[in-house]
Amino acid sequence: MLARLSQMPRALARKALKFGANRSGATAIEYALIVAGIAVAILSVVFTLGTEINNVFSDAQVQVKGRGK
């Protein structure tokens, strides 16, 4: 039993080193940040140009309806 207790700090140290060397969690966070940045860029473009695009289609609709009369 005493021998096992003396080996526990080494085992914990090995596990801590292995956990520190694992980079998969950091990679997932980096990808999440990239996706969030792309989403913010898309939303800002949509909200900025959305009204203008709506006006263009509304004007086109008015012109098409005017020609049909």
C-alpha atoms as a PDB file:
ATOM      1  CA  MET A   1       0.000   0.000   0.000  1.00  0.00           C
ATOM      2  CA  LEU A   2       2.814   2.385   0.851  1.00  0.00           C
ATOM      3  CA  ALA A   3       4.469   1.671  -2.502  1.00  0.00           C
ATOM      4  CA  ARG A   4       1.277   2.632  -4.340  1.00  0.00           C
ATOM      5  CA  LEU A   5       1.005   5.885  -2.409  1.00  0.00           C
ATOM      6  CA  SER A   6       4.553   6.828  -3.340  1.00  0.00           C
ATOM      7  CA  GLN A   7       3.772   6.254  -7.030  1.00  0.00           C
ATOM      8  CA  MET A   8       0.646   8.471  -7.018  1.00  0.00           C
ATOM      9  CA  PRO A   9       2.492  11.797  -7.380  1.00  0.00           C
ATOM     10  CA  ARG A  10       4.351  10.428 -10.415  1.00  0.00           C
ATOM     11  CA  ALA A  11       1.131   9.151 -11.962  1.00  0.00           C
ATOM     12  CA  LEU A  12      -0.565  12.503 -11.364  1.00  0.00           C
ATOM     13  CA  ALA A  13       2.391  14.328 -12.865  1.00  0.00           C
ATOM     14  CA  ARG A  14       2.288  12.077 -15.946  1.00  0.00           C
ATOM     15  CA  LYS A  15      -1.436  12.687 -16.356  1.00  0.00           C
ATOM     16  CA  ALA A  16      -0.968  16.436 -15.936  1.00  0.00           C
ATOM     17  CA  LEU A  17       1.762  16.472 -18.589  1.00  0.00           C
ATOM     18  CA  LYS A  18      -0.361  14.393 -20.937  1.00  0.00           C
ATOM     19  CA  PHE A  19      -3.331  16.729 -20.383  1.00  0.00           C
ATOM     20  CA  GLY A  20      -1.158  19.782 -21.026  1.00  0.00           C
ATOM     21  CA  ALA A  21       0.168  18.295 -24.246  1.00  0.00           C
ATOM     22  CA  ASN A  22      -3.326  17.606 -25.593  1.00  0.00           C
ATOM     23  CA  ARG A  23      -4.145  20.408 -28.054  1.00  0.00           C
ATOM     24  CA  SER A  24      -7.481  19.169 -29.421  1.00  0.00           C
ATOM     25  CA  GLY A  25      -9.486  21.375 -27.050  1.00  0.00           C
ATOM     26  CA  ALA A  26      -7.510  24.460 -28.046  1.00  0.00           C
ATOM     27  CA  THR A  27      -8.038  23.672 -31.718  1.00  0.00           C
ATOM     28  CA  ALA A  28     -11.794  23.344 -31.207  1.00  0.00           C
ATOM     29  CA  ILE A  29     -11.889  26.711 -29.467  1.00  0.00           C
ATOM     30  CA  GLU A  30      -9.900  28.307 -32.279  1.00  0.00           C
ATOM     31  CA  TYR A  31     -12.317  26.933 -34.882  1.00  0.00           C
ATOM     32  CA  ALA A  32     -15.266  28.176 -32.819  1.00  0.00           C
ATOM     33  CA  LEU A  33     -13.749  31.668 -32.727  1.00  0.00           C
ATOM     34  CA  ILE A  34     -13.204  31.618 -36.492  1.00  0.00           C
ATOM     35  CA  VAL A  35     -16.817  30.549 -37.081  1.00  0.00           C
ATOM     36  CA  ALA A  36     -18.061  33.251 -34.719  1.00  0.00           C
ATOM     37  CA  GLY A  37     -16.015  35.876 -36.574  1.00  0.00           C
ATOM     38  CA  ILE A  38     -17.395  34.761 -39.928  1.00  0.00           C
ATOM     39  CA  ALA A  39     -20.935  34.835 -38.536  1.00  0.00           C
ATOM     40  CA  VAL A  40     -20.443  38.390 -37.258  1.00  0.00           C
ATOM     41  CA  ALA A  41     -19.115  39.459 -40.654  1.00  0.00           C
ATOM     42  CA  ILE A  42     -22.072  37.896 -42.483  1.00  0.00           C
ATOM     43  CA  LEU A  43     -24.602  39.438 -40.104  1.00  0.00           C
ATOM     44  CA  SER A  44     -23.047  42.892 -40.386  1.00  0.00           C
ATOM     45  CA  VAL A  45     -23.160  42.719 -44.201  1.00  0.00           C
ATOM     46  CA  VAL A  46     -26.752  41.483 -44.171  1.00  0.00           C
ATOM     47  CA  PHE A  47     -27.927  44.194 -41.808  1.00  0.00           C
ATOM     48  CA  THR A  48     -25.975  46.885 -43.653  1.00  0.00           C
ATOM     49  CA  LEU A  49     -27.071  45.933 -47.155  1.00  0.00           C
ATOM     50  CA  GLY A  50     -30.431  44.380 -46.284  1.00  0.00           C
ATOM     51  CA  THR A  51     -32.390  47.623 -46.455  1.00  0.00           C
ATOM     52  CA  GLU A  52     -30.757  48.654 -49.720  1.00  0.00           C
ATOM     53  CA  ILE A  53     -31.439  45.291 -51.338  1.00  0.00           C
ATOM     54  CA  ASN A  54     -35.042  45.432 -50.129  1.00  0.00           C
ATOM     55  CA  ASN A  55     -35.421  48.877 -51.724  1.00  0.00           C
ATOM     56  CA  VAL A  56     -34.040  47.612 -55.034  1.00  0.00           C
ATOM     57  CA  PHE A  57     -36.535  44.742 -55.149  1.00  0.00           C
ATOM     58  CA  SER A  58     -39.405  47.002 -54.056  1.00  0.00           C
ATOM     59  CA  ASP A  59     -38.572  49.459 -56.850  1.00  0.00           C
ATOM     60  CA  ALA A  60     -38.429  46.585 -59.340  1.00  0.00           C
ATOM     61  CA  GLN A  61     -41.800  45.332 -58.128  1.00  0.00           C
ATOM     62  CA  VAL A  62     -43.355  48.793 -58.550  1.00  0.00           C
ATOM     63  CA  GLN A  63     -41.964  49.065 -62.070  1.00  0.00           C
ATOM     64  CA  VAL A  64     -43.252  45.619 -63.048  1.00  0.00           C
ATOM     65  CA  LYS A  65     -46.718  46.374 -61.653  1.00  0.00           C
ATOM     66  CA  GLY A  66     -46.747  49.738 -63.419  1.00  0.00           C
ATOM     67  CA  ARG A  67     -46.058  48.134 -66.793  1.00  0.00           C
ATOM     68  CA  GLY A  68     -48.851  45.615 -66.329  1.00  0.00           C
ATOM     69  CA  LYS A  69     -51.555  48.287 -66.169  1.00  0.00           C
END
